[in-house]
PDB file of N, CA and C in Angstrom:
ATOM      1  N   MET A   1      95.670 149.479 127.135  1.00  0.00           N
ATOM      2  CA  MET A   1      96.230 148.618 126.341  1.00  0.00           C
ATOM      3  C   MET A   1      96.915 147.459 126.293  1.00  0.00           C
ATOM      4  N   ILE A   2      97.702 147.135 127.504  1.00  0.00           N
ATOM      5  CA  ILE A   2      97.877 145.919 127.652  1.00  0.00           C
ATOM      6  C   ILE A   2      96.536 145.015 128.063  1.00  0.00           C
ATOM      7  N   VAL A   3      95.832 145.462 128.534  1.00  0.00           N
ATOM      8  CA  VAL A   3      94.807 144.673 128.726  1.00  0.00           C
ATOM      9  C   VAL A   3      94.065 143.774 127.768  1.00  0.00           C
ATOM     10  N   LEU A   4      94.395 144.994 126.035  1.00  0.00           N
ATOM     11  CA  LEU A   4      93.595 144.318 124.884  1.00  0.00           C
ATOM     12  C   LEU A   4      94.581 143.339 124.614  1.00  0.00           C
ATOM     13  N   PHE A   5      96.133 144.113 125.177  1.00  0.00           N
ATOM     14  CA  PHE A   5      97.298 142.437 124.420  1.00  0.00           C
ATOM     15  C   PHE A   5      96.821 141.264 124.876  1.00  0.00           C
ATOM     16  N   LYS A   6      96.856 141.483 126.204  1.00  0.00           N
ATOM     17  CA  LYS A   6      96.505 139.757 126.984  1.00  0.00           C
ATOM     18  C   LYS A   6      95.758 139.096 126.530  1.00  0.00           C
ATOM     19  N   TYR A   7      94.121 140.042 126.565  1.00  0.00           N
ATOM     20  CA  TYR A   7      92.873 139.528 125.854  1.00  0.00           C
ATOM     21  C   TYR A   7      92.770 138.761 124.535  1.00  0.00           C
ATOM     22  N   SER A   8      93.320 139.545 123.431  1.00  0.00           N
ATOM     23  CA  SER A   8      93.555 139.034 122.650  1.00  0.00           C
ATOM     24  C   SER A   8      95.229 137.746 122.570  1.00  0.00           C
ATOM     25  N   LEU A   9      95.623 137.349 123.893  1.00  0.00           N
ATOM     26  CA  LEU A   9      96.817 136.225 123.576  1.00  0.00           C
ATOM     27  C   LEU A   9      96.177 134.874 124.894  1.00  0.00           C
ATOM     28  N   PHE A  10      94.895 135.936 125.148  1.00  0.00           N
ATOM     29  CA  PHE A  10      93.629 134.375 125.563  1.00  0.00           C
ATOM     30  C   PHE A  10      93.519 133.844 124.606  1.00  0.00           C
ATOM     31  N   LYS A  11      93.068 135.003 123.891  1.00  0.00           N
ATOM     32  CA  LYS A  11      92.520 133.822 123.029  1.00  0.00           C
ATOM     33  C   LYS A  11      92.183 133.497 121.355  1.00  0.00           C
ATOM     34  N   THR A  12      93.636 133.607 121.671  1.00  0.00           N
ATOM     35  CA  THR A  12      94.790 132.884 120.612  1.00  0.00           C
ATOM     36  C   THR A  12      94.121 131.783 121.234  1.00  0.00           C
ATOM     37  N   PHE A  13      95.379 131.530 122.330  1.00  0.00           N
ATOM     38  CA  PHE A  13      95.435 130.371 123.513  1.00  0.00           C
ATOM     39  C   PHE A  13      94.172 129.442 123.641  1.00  0.00           C
ATOM     40  N   ILE A  14      93.442 129.943 123.774  1.00  0.00           N
ATOM     41  CA  ILE A  14      92.303 129.377 123.538  1.00  0.00           C
ATOM     42  C   ILE A  14      91.280 128.349 122.252  1.00  0.00           C
ATOM     43  N   SER A  15      91.745 129.252 121.496  1.00  0.00           N
ATOM     44  CA  SER A  15      91.832 128.717 119.679  1.00  0.00           C
ATOM     45  C   SER A  15      92.488 127.306 118.984  1.00  0.00           C
ATOM     46  N   LEU A  16      93.858 127.536 120.088  1.00  0.00           N
ATOM     47  CA  LEU A  16      95.099 126.731 119.779  1.00  0.00           C
ATOM     48  C   LEU A  16      94.203 125.462 120.311  1.00  0.00           C
ATOM     49  N   LYS A  17      94.040 125.669 122.016  1.00  0.00           N
ATOM     50  CA  LYS A  17      93.565 124.539 123.108  1.00  0.00           C
ATOM     51  C   LYS A  17      92.458 123.820 121.796  1.00  0.00           C
ATOM     52  N   LYS A  18      91.741 124.546 121.686  1.00  0.00           N
ATOM     53  CA  LYS A  18      90.029 124.084 120.153  1.00  0.00           C
ATOM     54  C   LYS A  18      91.279 123.208 119.060  1.00  0.00           C
ATOM     55  N   ARG A  19      91.874 124.120 118.228  1.00  0.00           N
ATOM     56  CA  ARG A  19      91.984 123.543 117.573  1.00  0.00           C
ATOM     57  C   ARG A  19      93.184 122.062 117.581  1.00  0.00           C
ATOM     58  N   ASN A  20      93.771 121.938 118.744  1.00  0.00           N
ATOM     59  CA  ASN A  20      94.496 120.923 118.659  1.00  0.00           C
ATOM     60  C   ASN A  20      94.028 120.009 119.910  1.00  0.00           C
ATOM     61  N   GLN A  21      92.350 120.220 120.530  1.00  0.00           N
ATOM     62  CA  GLN A  21      91.565 118.854 120.199  1.00  0.00           C
ATOM     63  C   GLN A  21      91.235 118.371 119.230  1.00  0.00           C
ATOM     64  N   ASN A  22      90.945 119.383 118.011  1.00  0.00           N
ATOM     65  CA  ASN A  22      90.377 118.636 116.816  1.00  0.00           C
ATOM     66  C   ASN A  22      91.215 118.110 116.394  1.00  0.00           C
ATOM     67  N   TYR A  23      92.955 118.483 116.588  1.00  0.00           N
ATOM     68  CA  TYR A  23      93.572 117.291 115.972  1.00  0.00           C
ATOM     69  C   TYR A  23      93.842 115.794 116.894  1.00  0.00           C
ATOM     70  N   GLU A  24      93.489 116.147 117.756  1.00  0.00           N
ATOM     71  CA  GLU A  24      93.278 114.769 118.558  1.00  0.00           C
ATOM     72  C   GLU A  24      92.578 113.412 117.764  1.00  0.00           C
ATOM     73  N   LYS A  25      91.640 114.458 118.332  1.00  0.00           N
ATOM     74  CA  LYS A  25      90.451 114.135 117.466  1.00  0.00           C
ATOM     75  C   LYS A  25      90.386 112.748 116.640  1.00  0.00           C
ATOM     76  N   LEU A  26      90.774 113.989 115.708  1.00  0.00           N
ATOM     77  CA  LEU A  26      91.146 113.242 113.751  1.00  0.00           C
ATOM     78  C   LEU A  26      92.368 112.219 114.372  1.00  0.00           C
ATOM     79  N   PHE A  27      93.228 112.438 114.688  1.00  0.00           N
ATOM     80  CA  PHE A  27      94.185 111.079 115.401  1.00  0.00           C
ATOM     81  C   PHE A  27      93.786 110.299 115.839  1.00  0.00           C
ATOM     82  N   HIS A  28      92.758 110.521 116.936  1.00  0.00           N
ATOM     83  CA  HIS A  28      92.226 108.825 116.852  1.00  0.00           C
ATOM     84  C   HIS A  28      91.280 108.279 116.158  1.00  0.00           C
ATOM     85  N   LEU A  29      91.045 108.877 115.388  1.00  0.00           N
ATOM     86  CA  LEU A  29      90.136 109.001 114.172  1.00  0.00           C
ATOM     87  C   LEU A  29      90.283 107.871 113.580  1.00  0.00           C
ATOM     88  N   ASN A  30      91.603 107.745 113.222  1.00  0.00           N
ATOM     89  CA  ASN A  30      92.896 108.158 112.456  1.00  0.00           C
ATOM     90  C   ASN A  30      93.009 105.950 112.626  1.00  0.00           C
ATOM     91  N   LYS A  31      93.242 106.468 114.624  1.00  0.00           N
ATOM     92  CA  LYS A  31      94.258 105.229 115.420  1.00  0.00           C
ATOM     93  C   LYS A  31      92.665 104.228 114.720  1.00  0.00           C
ATOM     94  N   ILE A  32      91.299 104.452 114.741  1.00  0.00           N
ATOM     95  CA  ILE A  32      90.554 103.353 114.519  1.00  0.00           C
ATOM     96  C   ILE A  32      90.256 102.621 113.182  1.00  0.00           C
ATOM     97  N   LEU A  33      90.549 103.908 112.705  1.00  0.00           N
ATOM     98  CA  LEU A  33      90.246 103.183 110.609  1.00  0.00           C
ATOM     99  C   LEU A  33      91.654 102.269 110.775  1.00  0.00           C
ATOM    100  N   ALA A  34      92.466 103.178 111.578  1.00  0.00           N
ATOM    101  CA  ALA A  34      94.075 102.120 110.708  1.00  0.00           C
ATOM    102  C   ALA A  34      93.456 100.252 111.380  1.00  0.00           C
ATOM    103  N   PHE A  35      93.163 100.694 111.978  1.00  0.00           N
ATOM    104  CA  PHE A  35      93.026  99.649 112.962  1.00  0.00           C
ATOM    105  C   PHE A  35      92.305  98.432 112.743  1.00  0.00           C
ATOM    106  N   LYS A  36      90.277  99.364 111.959  1.00  0.00           N
ATOM    107  CA  LYS A  36      90.007  98.087 111.317  1.00  0.00           C
ATOM    108  C   LYS A  36      89.961  98.351 110.057  1.00  0.00           C
ATOM    109  N   ASN A  37      90.943  99.001 110.183  1.00  0.00           N
ATOM    110  CA  ASN A  37      91.801  98.210 107.965  1.00  0.00           C
ATOM    111  C   ASN A  37      92.343  97.069 108.514  1.00  0.00           C
ATOM    112  N   LYS A  38      92.908  97.201 109.206  1.00  0.00           N
ATOM    113  CA  LYS A  38      93.985  95.644 109.114  1.00  0.00           C
ATOM    114  C   LYS A  38      92.993  94.069 109.474  1.00  0.00           C
TER     115      LYS A  38
END
């Protein structure tokens, strides 16, 4: 039971990290676009 809990925590952590990376990419793209529009 505990192993399953740890596994789900691990999966959640990984999905959060992936989502974070996507946000960082979007943020970077927005900065580049804003810079080009100036």
